[in-house]
Amino acid sequence: MSTIRIDEKHARLLDRLVAHITLQGKKMNKKALVGKLIEDAVIGEGIPVQDELRPLEEDPAWTGLQDTFKLGIRDLSEKVDKLLYQLDGEG
């Protein structure tokens, strides 16, 4: 939880917005409204909103490993540069 301070002008605008929403029959306090505005702004910027990471078993990067193929090369992670770039001890 954090606290923010806003200037008087924006505090009045926030009060007006809460009142306007309340007059429309929707119940919302300042805290909930600011949270919704932040989430809407994040989504508007194209940033994914996730409260928590999905379980590893559901992560597309992890489940995609099942679709990979086997090369039959032992210690590939250690030899990948040599194999990709055909390096002969150069470095």
PDB file of N, CA and C in Angstrom:
ATOM      1  N   MET A   1       0.859  -1.167   0.000  1.00  0.00           N
ATOM      2  CA  MET A   1       0.000   0.000   0.000  1.00  0.00           C
ATOM      3  C   MET A   1       0.897   1.219   0.000  1.00  0.00           C
ATOM      4  N   SER A   2       0.535   2.187  -0.796  1.00  0.00           N
ATOM      5  CA  SER A   2       1.286   3.438  -0.802  1.00  0.00           C
ATOM      6  C   SER A   2       0.311   4.607  -0.779  1.00  0.00           C
ATOM      7  N   THR A   3       0.817   5.741  -0.408  1.00  0.00           N
ATOM      8  CA  THR A   3       0.007   6.946  -0.335  1.00  0.00           C
ATOM      9  C   THR A   3       0.521   7.934  -1.367  1.00  0.00           C
ATOM     10  N   ILE A   4      -0.411   8.568  -2.068  1.00  0.00           N
ATOM     11  CA  ILE A   4      -0.019   9.623  -3.001  1.00  0.00           C
ATOM     12  C   ILE A   4      -0.758  10.892  -2.617  1.00  0.00           C
ATOM     13  N   ARG A   5      -0.131  11.994  -2.911  1.00  0.00           N
ATOM     14  CA  ARG A   5      -0.757  13.284  -2.660  1.00  0.00           C
ATOM     15  C   ARG A   5      -1.046  13.915  -4.014  1.00  0.00           C
ATOM     16  N   ILE A   6      -2.242  14.468  -4.130  1.00  0.00           N
ATOM     17  CA  ILE A   6      -2.593  15.151  -5.373  1.00  0.00           C
ATOM     18  C   ILE A   6      -2.933  16.605  -5.055  1.00  0.00           C
ATOM     19  N   ASP A   7      -2.753  17.436  -6.033  1.00  0.00           N
ATOM     20  CA  ASP A   7      -3.027  18.861  -5.810  1.00  0.00           C
ATOM     21  C   ASP A   7      -4.532  19.089  -5.693  1.00  0.00           C
ATOM     22  N   GLU A   8      -4.874  20.288  -5.253  1.00  0.00           N
ATOM     23  CA  GLU A   8      -6.265  20.629  -4.971  1.00  0.00           C
ATOM     24  C   GLU A   8      -7.156  20.520  -6.210  1.00  0.00           C
ATOM     25  N   LYS A   9      -6.644  20.963  -7.336  1.00  0.00           N
ATOM     26  CA  LYS A   9      -7.424  20.914  -8.575  1.00  0.00           C
ATOM     27  C   LYS A   9      -7.821  19.476  -8.907  1.00  0.00           C
ATOM     28  N   HIS A  10      -6.855  18.554  -8.855  1.00  0.00           N
ATOM     29  CA  HIS A  10      -7.145  17.162  -9.207  1.00  0.00           C
ATOM     30  C   HIS A  10      -7.977  16.464  -8.130  1.00  0.00           C
ATOM     31  N   ALA A  11      -7.831  16.898  -6.880  1.00  0.00           N
ATOM     32  CA  ALA A  11      -8.674  16.354  -5.813  1.00  0.00           C
ATOM     33  C   ALA A  11     -10.136  16.723  -6.067  1.00  0.00           C
ATOM     34  N   ARG A  12     -10.377  17.964  -6.483  1.00  0.00           N
ATOM     35  CA  ARG A  12     -11.755  18.388  -6.806  1.00  0.00           C
ATOM     36  C   ARG A  12     -12.298  17.605  -7.998  1.00  0.00           C
ATOM     37  N   LEU A  13     -11.459  17.431  -9.019  1.00  0.00           N
ATOM     38  CA  LEU A  13     -11.899  16.660 -10.190  1.00  0.00           C
ATOM     39  C   LEU A  13     -12.220  15.218  -9.813  1.00  0.00           C
ATOM     40  N   LEU A  14     -11.408  14.638  -8.930  1.00  0.00           N
ATOM     41  CA  LEU A  14     -11.666  13.269  -8.477  1.00  0.00           C
ATOM     42  C   LEU A  14     -12.989  13.201  -7.730  1.00  0.00           C
ATOM     43  N   ASP A  15     -13.245  14.180  -6.869  1.00  0.00           N
ATOM     44  CA  ASP A  15     -14.527  14.228  -6.154  1.00  0.00           C
ATOM     45  C   ASP A  15     -15.698  14.333  -7.124  1.00  0.00           C
ATOM     46  N   ARG A  16     -15.561  15.175  -8.137  1.00  0.00           N
ATOM     47  CA  ARG A  16     -16.625  15.335  -9.139  1.00  0.00           C
ATOM     48  C   ARG A  16     -16.861  14.033  -9.902  1.00  0.00           C
ATOM     49  N   LEU A  17     -15.769  13.365 -10.238  1.00  0.00           N
ATOM     50  CA  LEU A  17     -15.892  12.102 -10.974  1.00  0.00           C
ATOM     51  C   LEU A  17     -16.580  11.042 -10.129  1.00  0.00           C
ATOM     52  N   VAL A  18     -16.203  10.926  -8.862  1.00  0.00           N
ATOM     53  CA  VAL A  18     -16.858   9.972  -7.954  1.00  0.00           C
ATOM     54  C   VAL A  18     -18.338  10.312  -7.831  1.00  0.00           C
ATOM     55  N   ALA A  19     -18.660  11.596  -7.689  1.00  0.00           N
ATOM     56  CA  ALA A  19     -20.064  12.009  -7.583  1.00  0.00           C
ATOM     57  C   ALA A  19     -20.832  11.669  -8.858  1.00  0.00           C
ATOM     58  N   HIS A  20     -20.220  11.910 -10.001  1.00  0.00           N
ATOM     59  CA  HIS A  20     -20.859  11.619 -11.290  1.00  0.00           C
ATOM     60  C   HIS A  20     -21.157  10.124 -11.425  1.00  0.00           C
ATOM     61  N   ILE A  21     -20.190   9.302 -11.069  1.00  0.00           N
ATOM     62  CA  ILE A  21     -20.379   7.842 -11.144  1.00  0.00           C
ATOM     63  C   ILE A  21     -21.465   7.405 -10.172  1.00  0.00           C
ATOM     64  N   THR A  22     -21.477   8.008  -8.984  1.00  0.00           N
ATOM     65  CA  THR A  22     -22.493   7.673  -7.986  1.00  0.00           C
ATOM     66  C   THR A  22     -23.887   8.045  -8.477  1.00  0.00           C
ATOM     67  N   LEU A  23     -24.005   9.192  -9.142  1.00  0.00           N
ATOM     68  CA  LEU A  23     -25.306   9.610  -9.680  1.00  0.00           C
ATOM     69  C   LEU A  23     -25.800   8.667 -10.774  1.00  0.00           C
ATOM     70  N   GLN A  24     -24.893   7.967 -11.406  1.00  0.00           N
ATOM     71  CA  GLN A  24     -25.284   6.990 -12.432  1.00  0.00           C
ATOM     72  C   GLN A  24     -25.737   5.673 -11.804  1.00  0.00           C
ATOM     73  N   GLY A  25     -25.718   5.614 -10.473  1.00  0.00           N
ATOM     74  CA  GLY A  25     -26.176   4.416  -9.779  1.00  0.00           C
ATOM     75  C   GLY A  25     -25.082   3.400  -9.515  1.00  0.00           C
ATOM     76  N   LYS A  26     -23.858   3.764  -9.785  1.00  0.00           N
ATOM     77  CA  LYS A  26     -22.734   2.864  -9.523  1.00  0.00           C
ATOM     78  C   LYS A  26     -22.051   3.318  -8.242  1.00  0.00           C
ATOM     79  N   LYS A  27     -21.774   2.358  -7.391  1.00  0.00           N
ATOM     80  CA  LYS A  27     -21.130   2.711  -6.132  1.00  0.00           C
ATOM     81  C   LYS A  27     -19.627   2.502  -6.276  1.00  0.00           C
ATOM     82  N   MET A  28     -18.861   3.590  -6.070  1.00  0.00           N
ATOM     83  CA  MET A  28     -17.417   3.484  -6.195  1.00  0.00           C
ATOM     84  C   MET A  28     -16.777   4.554  -5.315  1.00  0.00           C
ATOM     85  N   ASN A  29     -15.768   4.151  -4.538  1.00  0.00           N
ATOM     86  CA  ASN A  29     -15.060   5.134  -3.726  1.00  0.00           C
ATOM     87  C   ASN A  29     -13.799   5.598  -4.471  1.00  0.00           C
ATOM     88  N   LYS A  30     -13.120   6.579  -3.905  1.00  0.00           N
ATOM     89  CA  LYS A  30     -11.936   7.152  -4.567  1.00  0.00           C
ATOM     90  C   LYS A  30     -10.858   6.097  -4.797  1.00  0.00           C
ATOM     91  N   LYS A  31     -10.619   5.272  -3.809  1.00  0.00           N
ATOM     92  CA  LYS A  31      -9.575   4.254  -3.913  1.00  0.00           C
ATOM     93  C   LYS A  31      -9.863   3.307  -5.077  1.00  0.00           C
ATOM     94  N   ALA A  32     -11.092   2.819  -5.164  1.00  0.00           N
ATOM     95  CA  ALA A  32     -11.464   1.896  -6.240  1.00  0.00           C
ATOM     96  C   ALA A  32     -11.390   2.594  -7.597  1.00  0.00           C
ATOM     97  N   LEU A  33     -11.815   3.848  -7.641  1.00  0.00           N
ATOM     98  CA  LEU A  33     -11.795   4.596  -8.893  1.00  0.00           C
ATOM     99  C   LEU A  33     -10.366   4.818  -9.389  1.00  0.00           C
ATOM    100  N   VAL A  34      -9.493   5.223  -8.490  1.00  0.00           N
ATOM    101  CA  VAL A  34      -8.089   5.435  -8.892  1.00  0.00           C
ATOM    102  C   VAL A  34      -7.482   4.117  -9.366  1.00  0.00           C
ATOM    103  N   GLY A  35      -7.780   3.030  -8.682  1.00  0.00           N
ATOM    104  CA  GLY A  35      -7.282   1.724  -9.119  1.00  0.00           C
ATOM    105  C   GLY A  35      -7.775   1.375 -10.509  1.00  0.00           C
ATOM    106  N   LYS A  36      -9.053   1.609 -10.774  1.00  0.00           N
ATOM    107  CA  LYS A  36      -9.611   1.319 -12.094  1.00  0.00           C
ATOM    108  C   LYS A  36      -8.982   2.212 -13.168  1.00  0.00           C
ATOM    109  N   LEU A  37      -8.795   3.480 -12.848  1.00  0.00           N
ATOM    110  CA  LEU A  37      -8.168   4.388 -13.803  1.00  0.00           C
ATOM    111  C   LEU A  37      -6.745   3.948 -14.145  1.00  0.00           C
ATOM    112  N   ILE A  38      -6.014   3.492 -13.137  1.00  0.00           N
ATOM    113  CA  ILE A  38      -4.650   3.010 -13.375  1.00  0.00           C
ATOM    114  C   ILE A  38      -4.673   1.772 -14.267  1.00  0.00           C
ATOM    115  N   GLU A  39      -5.539   0.820 -13.956  1.00  0.00           N
ATOM    116  CA  GLU A  39      -5.627  -0.397 -14.769  1.00  0.00           C
ATOM    117  C   GLU A  39      -6.016  -0.076 -16.205  1.00  0.00           C
ATOM    118  N   ASP A  40      -6.978   0.824 -16.379  1.00  0.00           N
ATOM    119  CA  ASP A  40      -7.395   1.222 -17.731  1.00  0.00           C
ATOM    120  C   ASP A  40      -6.237   1.863 -18.494  1.00  0.00           C
ATOM    121  N   ALA A  41      -5.451   2.685 -17.802  1.00  0.00           N
ATOM    122  CA  ALA A  41      -4.300   3.335 -18.447  1.00  0.00           C
ATOM    123  C   ALA A  41      -3.244   2.308 -18.841  1.00  0.00           C
ATOM    124  N   VAL A  42      -3.011   1.337 -17.979  1.00  0.00           N
ATOM    125  CA  VAL A  42      -2.024   0.290 -18.277  1.00  0.00           C
ATOM    126  C   VAL A  42      -2.471  -0.511 -19.494  1.00  0.00           C
ATOM    127  N   ILE A  43      -3.733  -0.890 -19.523  1.00  0.00           N
ATOM    128  CA  ILE A  43      -4.274  -1.638 -20.661  1.00  0.00           C
ATOM    129  C   ILE A  43      -4.222  -0.785 -21.926  1.00  0.00           C
ATOM    130  N   GLY A  44      -4.541   0.491 -21.789  1.00  0.00           N
ATOM    131  CA  GLY A  44      -4.500   1.405 -22.923  1.00  0.00           C
ATOM    132  C   GLY A  44      -3.107   1.541 -23.521  1.00  0.00           C
ATOM    133  N   GLU A  45      -2.088   1.364 -22.699  1.00  0.00           N
ATOM    134  CA  GLU A  45      -0.703   1.425 -23.166  1.00  0.00           C
ATOM    135  C   GLU A  45      -0.230   0.089 -23.719  1.00  0.00           C
ATOM    136  N   GLY A  46      -1.102  -0.921 -23.667  1.00  0.00           N
ATOM    137  CA  GLY A  46      -0.748  -2.230 -24.209  1.00  0.00           C
ATOM    138  C   GLY A  46       0.076  -3.081 -23.265  1.00  0.00           C
ATOM    139  N   ILE A  47       0.080  -2.726 -21.991  1.00  0.00           N
ATOM    140  CA  ILE A  47       0.826  -3.494 -20.994  1.00  0.00           C
ATOM    141  C   ILE A  47      -0.119  -4.518 -20.388  1.00  0.00           C
ATOM    142  N   PRO A  48       0.258  -5.796 -20.379  1.00  0.00           N
ATOM    143  CA  PRO A  48      -0.643  -6.796 -19.800  1.00  0.00           C
ATOM    144  C   PRO A  48      -0.808  -6.596 -18.294  1.00  0.00           C
ATOM    145  N   VAL A  49      -2.027  -6.758 -17.827  1.00  0.00           N
ATOM    146  CA  VAL A  49      -2.325  -6.638 -16.401  1.00  0.00           C
ATOM    147  C   VAL A  49      -2.488  -8.045 -15.851  1.00  0.00           C
ATOM    148  N   GLN A  50      -1.537  -8.435 -15.020  1.00  0.00           N
ATOM    149  CA  GLN A  50      -1.624  -9.745 -14.381  1.00  0.00           C
ATOM    150  C   GLN A  50      -1.297  -9.567 -12.910  1.00  0.00           C
ATOM    151  N   ASP A  51      -2.209 -10.011 -12.061  1.00  0.00           N
ATOM    152  CA  ASP A  51      -1.972  -9.887 -10.629  1.00  0.00           C
ATOM    153  C   ASP A  51      -0.889 -10.840 -10.156  1.00  0.00           C
ATOM    154  N   GLU A  52      -0.816 -12.008 -10.769  1.00  0.00           N
ATOM    155  CA  GLU A  52       0.215 -12.971 -10.386  1.00  0.00           C
ATOM    156  C   GLU A  52       0.616 -13.760 -11.619  1.00  0.00           C
ATOM    157  N   LEU A  53       1.779 -14.338 -11.543  1.00  0.00           N
ATOM    158  CA  LEU A  53       2.251 -15.148 -12.655  1.00  0.00           C
ATOM    159  C   LEU A  53       1.429 -16.413 -12.751  1.00  0.00           C
ATOM    160  N   ARG A  54       1.218 -16.870 -13.964  1.00  0.00           N
ATOM    161  CA  ARG A  54       0.487 -18.118 -14.128  1.00  0.00           C
ATOM    162  C   ARG A  54       1.392 -19.280 -13.717  1.00  0.00           C
ATOM    163  N   PRO A  55       0.812 -20.405 -13.342  1.00  0.00           N
ATOM    164  CA  PRO A  55       1.622 -21.554 -12.955  1.00  0.00           C
ATOM    165  C   PRO A  55       2.532 -21.985 -14.110  1.00  0.00           C
ATOM    166  N   LEU A  56       3.693 -22.484 -13.771  1.00  0.00           N
ATOM    167  CA  LEU A  56       4.670 -22.893 -14.768  1.00  0.00           C
ATOM    168  C   LEU A  56       4.075 -23.871 -15.776  1.00  0.00           C
ATOM    169  N   GLU A  57       3.228 -24.760 -15.303  1.00  0.00           N
ATOM    170  CA  GLU A  57       2.631 -25.766 -16.182  1.00  0.00           C
ATOM    171  C   GLU A  57       1.730 -25.147 -17.247  1.00  0.00           C
ATOM    172  N   GLU A  58       1.273 -23.900 -17.036  1.00  0.00           N
ATOM    173  CA  GLU A  58       0.410 -23.221 -17.997  1.00  0.00           C
ATOM    174  C   GLU A  58       1.171 -22.195 -18.843  1.00  0.00           C
ATOM    175  N   ASP A  59       2.431 -21.970 -18.536  1.00  0.00           N
ATOM    176  CA  ASP A  59       3.234 -20.984 -19.263  1.00  0.00           C
ATOM    177  C   ASP A  59       3.514 -21.492 -20.674  1.00  0.00           C
ATOM    178  N   PRO A  60       3.185 -20.701 -21.706  1.00  0.00           N
ATOM    179  CA  PRO A  60       3.386 -21.154 -23.084  1.00  0.00           C
ATOM    180  C   PRO A  60       4.842 -21.503 -23.396  1.00  0.00           C
ATOM    181  N   ALA A  61       5.776 -20.796 -22.796  1.00  0.00           N
ATOM    182  CA  ALA A  61       7.190 -21.108 -23.039  1.00  0.00           C
ATOM    183  C   ALA A  61       7.534 -22.486 -22.492  1.00  0.00           C
ATOM    184  N   TRP A  62       6.953 -22.841 -21.375  1.00  0.00           N
ATOM    185  CA  TRP A  62       7.227 -24.141 -20.763  1.00  0.00           C
ATOM    186  C   TRP A  62       6.500 -25.256 -21.513  1.00  0.00           C
ATOM    187  N   THR A  63       5.227 -25.048 -21.814  1.00  0.00           N
ATOM    188  CA  THR A  63       4.473 -26.093 -22.504  1.00  0.00           C
ATOM    189  C   THR A  63       4.983 -26.275 -23.931  1.00  0.00           C
ATOM    190  N   GLY A  64       5.545 -25.212 -24.523  1.00  0.00           N
ATOM    191  CA  GLY A  64       6.089 -25.319 -25.870  1.00  0.00           C
ATOM    192  C   GLY A  64       7.297 -26.224 -25.958  1.00  0.00           C
ATOM    193  N   LEU A  65       7.951 -26.449 -24.829  1.00  0.00           N
ATOM    194  CA  LEU A  65       9.114 -27.337 -24.839  1.00  0.00           C
ATOM    195  C   LEU A  65       8.730 -28.761 -25.231  1.00  0.00           C
ATOM    196  N   GLN A  66       7.481 -29.125 -24.973  1.00  0.00           N
ATOM    197  CA  GLN A  66       7.025 -30.467 -25.335  1.00  0.00           C
ATOM    198  C   GLN A  66       6.976 -30.646 -26.852  1.00  0.00           C
ATOM    199  N   ASP A  67       6.892 -29.530 -27.582  1.00  0.00           N
ATOM    200  CA  ASP A  67       6.789 -29.598 -29.030  1.00  0.00           C
ATOM    201  C   ASP A  67       8.145 -29.515 -29.726  1.00  0.00           C
ATOM    202  N   THR A  68       9.215 -29.406 -28.952  1.00  0.00           N
ATOM    203  CA  THR A  68      10.544 -29.315 -29.571  1.00  0.00           C
ATOM    204  C   THR A  68      10.995 -30.693 -30.016  1.00  0.00           C
ATOM    205  N   PHE A  69      12.004 -30.694 -30.842  1.00  0.00           N
ATOM    206  CA  PHE A  69      12.517 -31.960 -31.324  1.00  0.00           C
ATOM    207  C   PHE A  69      13.873 -32.231 -30.688  1.00  0.00           C
ATOM    208  N   LYS A  70      14.280 -33.470 -30.724  1.00  0.00           N
ATOM    209  CA  LYS A  70      15.558 -33.888 -30.146  1.00  0.00           C
ATOM    210  C   LYS A  70      16.602 -33.940 -31.248  1.00  0.00           C
ATOM    211  N   LEU A  71      17.749 -33.317 -31.004  1.00  0.00           N
ATOM    212  CA  LEU A  71      18.827 -33.327 -31.986  1.00  0.00           C
ATOM    213  C   LEU A  71      19.798 -34.483 -31.758  1.00  0.00           C
ATOM    214  N   GLY A  72      19.764 -35.033 -30.562  1.00  0.00           N
ATOM    215  CA  GLY A  72      20.677 -36.119 -30.269  1.00  0.00           C
ATOM    216  C   GLY A  72      22.096 -35.638 -30.003  1.00  0.00           C
ATOM    217  N   ILE A  73      22.287 -34.368 -29.704  1.00  0.00           N
ATOM    218  CA  ILE A  73      23.608 -33.826 -29.417  1.00  0.00           C
ATOM    219  C   ILE A  73      23.734 -33.649 -27.911  1.00  0.00           C
ATOM    220  N   ARG A  74      24.681 -34.367 -27.346  1.00  0.00           N
ATOM    221  CA  ARG A  74      24.895 -34.295 -25.913  1.00  0.00           C
ATOM    222  C   ARG A  74      25.505 -32.936 -25.569  1.00  0.00           C
ATOM    223  N   ASP A  75      25.109 -32.354 -24.470  1.00  0.00           N
ATOM    224  CA  ASP A  75      25.616 -31.058 -24.003  1.00  0.00           C
ATOM    225  C   ASP A  75      25.424 -29.951 -25.030  1.00  0.00           C
ATOM    226  N   LEU A  76      24.307 -29.931 -25.693  1.00  0.00           N
ATOM    227  CA  LEU A  76      24.044 -28.923 -26.723  1.00  0.00           C
ATOM    228  C   LEU A  76      24.128 -27.508 -26.158  1.00  0.00           C
ATOM    229  N   SER A  77      23.659 -27.330 -24.921  1.00  0.00           N
ATOM    230  CA  SER A  77      23.670 -25.980 -24.352  1.00  0.00           C
ATOM    231  C   SER A  77      25.086 -25.438 -24.217  1.00  0.00           C
ATOM    232  N   GLU A  78      26.056 -26.297 -24.063  1.00  0.00           N
ATOM    233  CA  GLU A  78      27.447 -25.855 -23.938  1.00  0.00           C
ATOM    234  C   GLU A  78      28.119 -25.722 -25.303  1.00  0.00           C
ATOM    235  N   LYS A  79      27.594 -26.386 -26.300  1.00  0.00           N
ATOM    236  CA  LYS A  79      28.243 -26.410 -27.610  1.00  0.00           C
ATOM    237  C   LYS A  79      27.487 -25.617 -28.677  1.00  0.00           C
ATOM    238  N   VAL A  80      26.445 -24.909 -28.288  1.00  0.00           N
ATOM    239  CA  VAL A  80      25.580 -24.283 -29.267  1.00  0.00           C
ATOM    240  C   VAL A  80      26.328 -23.297 -30.167  1.00  0.00           C
ATOM    241  N   ASP A  81      27.199 -22.445 -29.613  1.00  0.00           N
ATOM    242  CA  ASP A  81      27.936 -21.490 -30.439  1.00  0.00           C
ATOM    243  C   ASP A  81      28.848 -22.201 -31.428  1.00  0.00           C
ATOM    244  N   LYS A  82      29.541 -23.219 -30.955  1.00  0.00           N
ATOM    245  CA  LYS A  82      30.453 -23.961 -31.822  1.00  0.00           C
ATOM    246  C   LYS A  82      29.689 -24.613 -32.975  1.00  0.00           C
ATOM    247  N   LEU A  83      28.530 -25.182 -32.656  1.00  0.00           N
ATOM    248  CA  LEU A  83      27.757 -25.838 -33.695  1.00  0.00           C
ATOM    249  C   LEU A  83      27.098 -24.858 -34.642  1.00  0.00           C
ATOM    250  N   LEU A  84      26.600 -23.754 -34.115  1.00  0.00           N
ATOM    251  CA  LEU A  84      25.931 -22.774 -34.963  1.00  0.00           C
ATOM    252  C   LEU A  84      26.883 -22.030 -35.889  1.00  0.00           C
ATOM    253  N   TYR A  85      28.027 -21.668 -35.329  1.00  0.00           N
ATOM    254  CA  TYR A  85      28.943 -20.820 -36.082  1.00  0.00           C
ATOM    255  C   TYR A  85      30.165 -21.572 -36.616  1.00  0.00           C
ATOM    256  N   GLN A  86      30.144 -22.880 -36.430  1.00  0.00           N
ATOM    257  CA  GLN A  86      31.239 -23.726 -36.919  1.00  0.00           C
ATOM    258  C   GLN A  86      32.596 -23.232 -36.425  1.00  0.00           C
ATOM    259  N   LEU A  87      32.672 -22.897 -35.150  1.00  0.00           N
ATOM    260  CA  LEU A  87      33.910 -22.397 -34.572  1.00  0.00           C
ATOM    261  C   LEU A  87      34.892 -23.538 -34.337  1.00  0.00           C
ATOM    262  N   ASP A  88      36.139 -23.349 -34.705  1.00  0.00           N
ATOM    263  CA  ASP A  88      37.183 -24.352 -34.495  1.00  0.00           C
ATOM    264  C   ASP A  88      38.172 -23.818 -33.481  1.00  0.00           C
ATOM    265  N   GLY A  89      37.745 -23.665 -32.252  1.00  0.00           N
ATOM    266  CA  GLY A  89      38.619 -23.199 -31.220  1.00  0.00           C
ATOM    267  C   GLY A  89      38.892 -21.706 -31.286  1.00  0.00           C
ATOM    268  N   GLU A  90      38.249 -21.003 -32.211  1.00  0.00           N
ATOM    269  CA  GLU A  90      38.438 -19.538 -32.305  1.00  0.00           C
ATOM    270  C   GLU A  90      37.597 -18.885 -31.227  1.00  0.00           C
ATOM    271  N   GLY A  91      37.992 -17.774 -30.743  1.00  0.00           N
ATOM    272  CA  GLY A  91      37.136 -17.162 -29.764  1.00  0.00           C
ATOM    273  C   GLY A  91      37.617 -15.876 -29.377  1.00  0.00           C
TER     274      GLY A  91
END
